[in-house]
């Protein structure tokens, strides 16, 4: 399932997010501030007037997963909800698809696992 196993419990690590409806489907958008990694990055951000805020918007499947990363659901429970809620062709194999998505969220600092 994931490197953390089916009993791992993911929890959102960011509070700045919103849920909207697009064409009848819910979408979660996370707003993050990009921090310059060094002085050159900071200079270039300022020189080009680049916004430091970034938005990440999930599709319907990502929104379902995000809603359930509340610290109350295990990875296995989230997989079951995703499998029951979304088209098989879109999410199969559910375990692998979910594990990959959760690892991406973790690498970006958007979730953490309760067992860490």
Protein backbone atom coordinates (compact mmCIF):
# COMPACT_ATOMS: atom_id res chain seq x y z
CA UNK A 1 0.00 0.00 0.00
CA UNK A 2 2.32 2.79 1.15
CA UNK A 3 5.69 2.78 2.80
CA UNK A 4 3.74 3.33 5.99
CA UNK A 5 1.35 0.44 5.52
CA UNK A 6 -2.42 0.16 5.45
CA UNK A 7 -2.78 1.00 9.15
CA UNK A 8 -0.85 4.29 8.90
CA UNK A 9 -2.93 7.40 9.60
CA UNK A 10 -2.26 10.44 7.39
CA UNK A 11 -3.01 13.91 8.75
CA UNK A 12 -2.99 17.22 6.91
CA UNK A 13 0.02 19.36 7.84
CA UNK A 14 -1.31 22.62 6.38
CA UNK A 15 -4.28 24.69 7.40
CA UNK A 16 -4.49 27.08 4.44
CA UNK A 17 -6.83 25.29 2.05
CA UNK A 18 -10.30 25.76 0.66
CA UNK A 19 -12.90 23.66 -1.07
CA UNK A 20 -14.84 24.95 -4.06
CA UNK A 21 -17.24 23.47 -6.59
CA UNK A 22 -16.28 23.33 -10.26
CA UNK A 23 -18.82 21.96 -12.74
CA UNK A 24 -20.63 20.22 -9.89
CA UNK A 25 -17.49 18.54 -8.51
CA UNK A 26 -15.70 19.55 -5.33
CA UNK A 27 -12.10 20.68 -5.64
CA UNK A 28 -9.60 21.37 -2.88
CA UNK A 29 -7.07 24.14 -3.41
CA UNK A 30 -4.08 24.50 -1.12
CA UNK A 31 -2.34 27.88 -0.91
CA UNK A 32 1.35 27.74 -0.08
CA UNK A 33 4.03 30.39 0.15
CA UNK A 34 7.19 29.53 -1.75
CA UNK A 35 10.28 30.42 0.24
CA UNK A 36 13.39 31.39 -1.70
CA UNK A 37 16.11 28.77 -1.20
CA UNK A 38 18.94 31.28 -1.36
CA UNK A 39 19.76 34.93 -1.96
CA UNK A 40 19.77 34.50 -5.73
CA UNK A 41 16.23 33.07 -5.63
CA UNK A 42 15.15 35.99 -3.46
CA UNK A 43 16.73 38.47 -5.89
CA UNK A 44 15.06 36.84 -8.90
CA UNK A 45 11.67 36.74 -7.16
CA UNK A 46 11.96 40.47 -6.49
CA UNK A 47 13.45 41.34 -9.91
CA UNK A 48 10.66 39.67 -11.85
CA UNK A 49 7.91 40.44 -9.35
CA UNK A 50 7.15 36.74 -8.98
CA UNK A 51 4.39 35.93 -6.56
CA UNK A 52 5.52 33.74 -3.72
CA UNK A 53 2.08 32.23 -3.29
CA UNK A 54 1.39 29.00 -5.11
CA UNK A 55 -1.93 27.23 -5.47
CA UNK A 56 -2.25 23.49 -5.82
CA UNK A 57 -5.72 22.31 -6.89
CA UNK A 58 -6.71 18.65 -6.65
CA UNK A 59 -9.04 16.79 -8.96
CA UNK A 60 -12.02 14.86 -7.60
CA UNK A 61 -9.90 11.88 -6.50
CA UNK A 62 -7.29 14.08 -4.82
CA UNK A 63 -10.07 16.01 -3.09
CA UNK A 64 -11.53 12.77 -1.69
CA UNK A 65 -8.12 11.73 -0.39
CA UNK A 66 -7.42 15.18 1.10
CA UNK A 67 -10.74 15.25 2.95
CA UNK A 68 -9.91 11.91 4.57
CA UNK A 69 -6.36 12.86 5.62
CA UNK A 70 -7.85 14.14 8.86
CA UNK A 71 -6.06 11.89 11.31
CA UNK A 72 -9.15 9.73 11.76
CA UNK A 73 -8.80 7.42 8.74
CA UNK A 74 -6.16 4.83 7.94
CA UNK A 75 -4.60 4.43 4.51
CA UNK A 76 -6.70 1.28 4.01
CA UNK A 77 -9.91 3.14 4.88
CA UNK A 78 -9.04 5.94 2.47
CA UNK A 79 -8.32 3.36 -0.27
CA UNK A 80 -11.75 1.80 0.30
CA UNK A 81 -13.48 5.20 0.05
CA UNK A 82 -11.59 6.07 -3.13
CA UNK A 83 -12.43 2.68 -4.68
CA UNK A 84 -16.13 3.05 -3.76
CA UNK A 85 -16.42 6.67 -4.86
CA UNK A 86 -14.46 6.89 -8.11
CA UNK A 87 -14.32 5.13 -11.46
CA UNK A 88 -12.18 1.98 -11.42
CA UNK A 89 -10.34 2.98 -14.59
CA UNK A 90 -9.29 6.24 -12.97
CA UNK A 91 -7.90 4.82 -9.73
CA UNK A 92 -6.88 1.18 -10.39
CA UNK A 93 -4.78 -0.15 -8.87
CA UNK A 94 -6.12 1.80 -5.90
CA UNK A 95 -3.42 0.78 -3.43
CA UNK A 96 -0.55 1.83 -5.70
CA UNK A 97 -2.24 5.01 -6.90
CA UNK A 98 -3.05 6.10 -3.36
CA UNK A 99 0.42 5.23 -2.05
CA UNK A 100 2.05 7.30 -4.78
CA UNK A 101 -0.24 10.28 -4.15
CA UNK A 102 0.27 10.14 -0.37
CA UNK A 103 4.05 10.01 -0.82
CA UNK A 104 3.89 13.08 -3.06
CA UNK A 105 1.86 14.92 -0.43
CA UNK A 106 4.33 13.90 2.27
CA UNK A 107 7.37 14.96 0.21
CA UNK A 108 5.80 18.40 -0.26
CA UNK A 109 5.14 18.70 3.47
CA UNK A 110 1.37 18.70 3.03
CA UNK A 111 0.68 15.64 5.19
CA UNK A 112 2.42 13.65 7.87
CA UNK A 113 1.73 10.20 9.22
CA UNK A 114 0.60 9.84 12.82
CA UNK A 115 3.00 6.96 13.44
CA UNK A 116 6.10 9.13 12.79
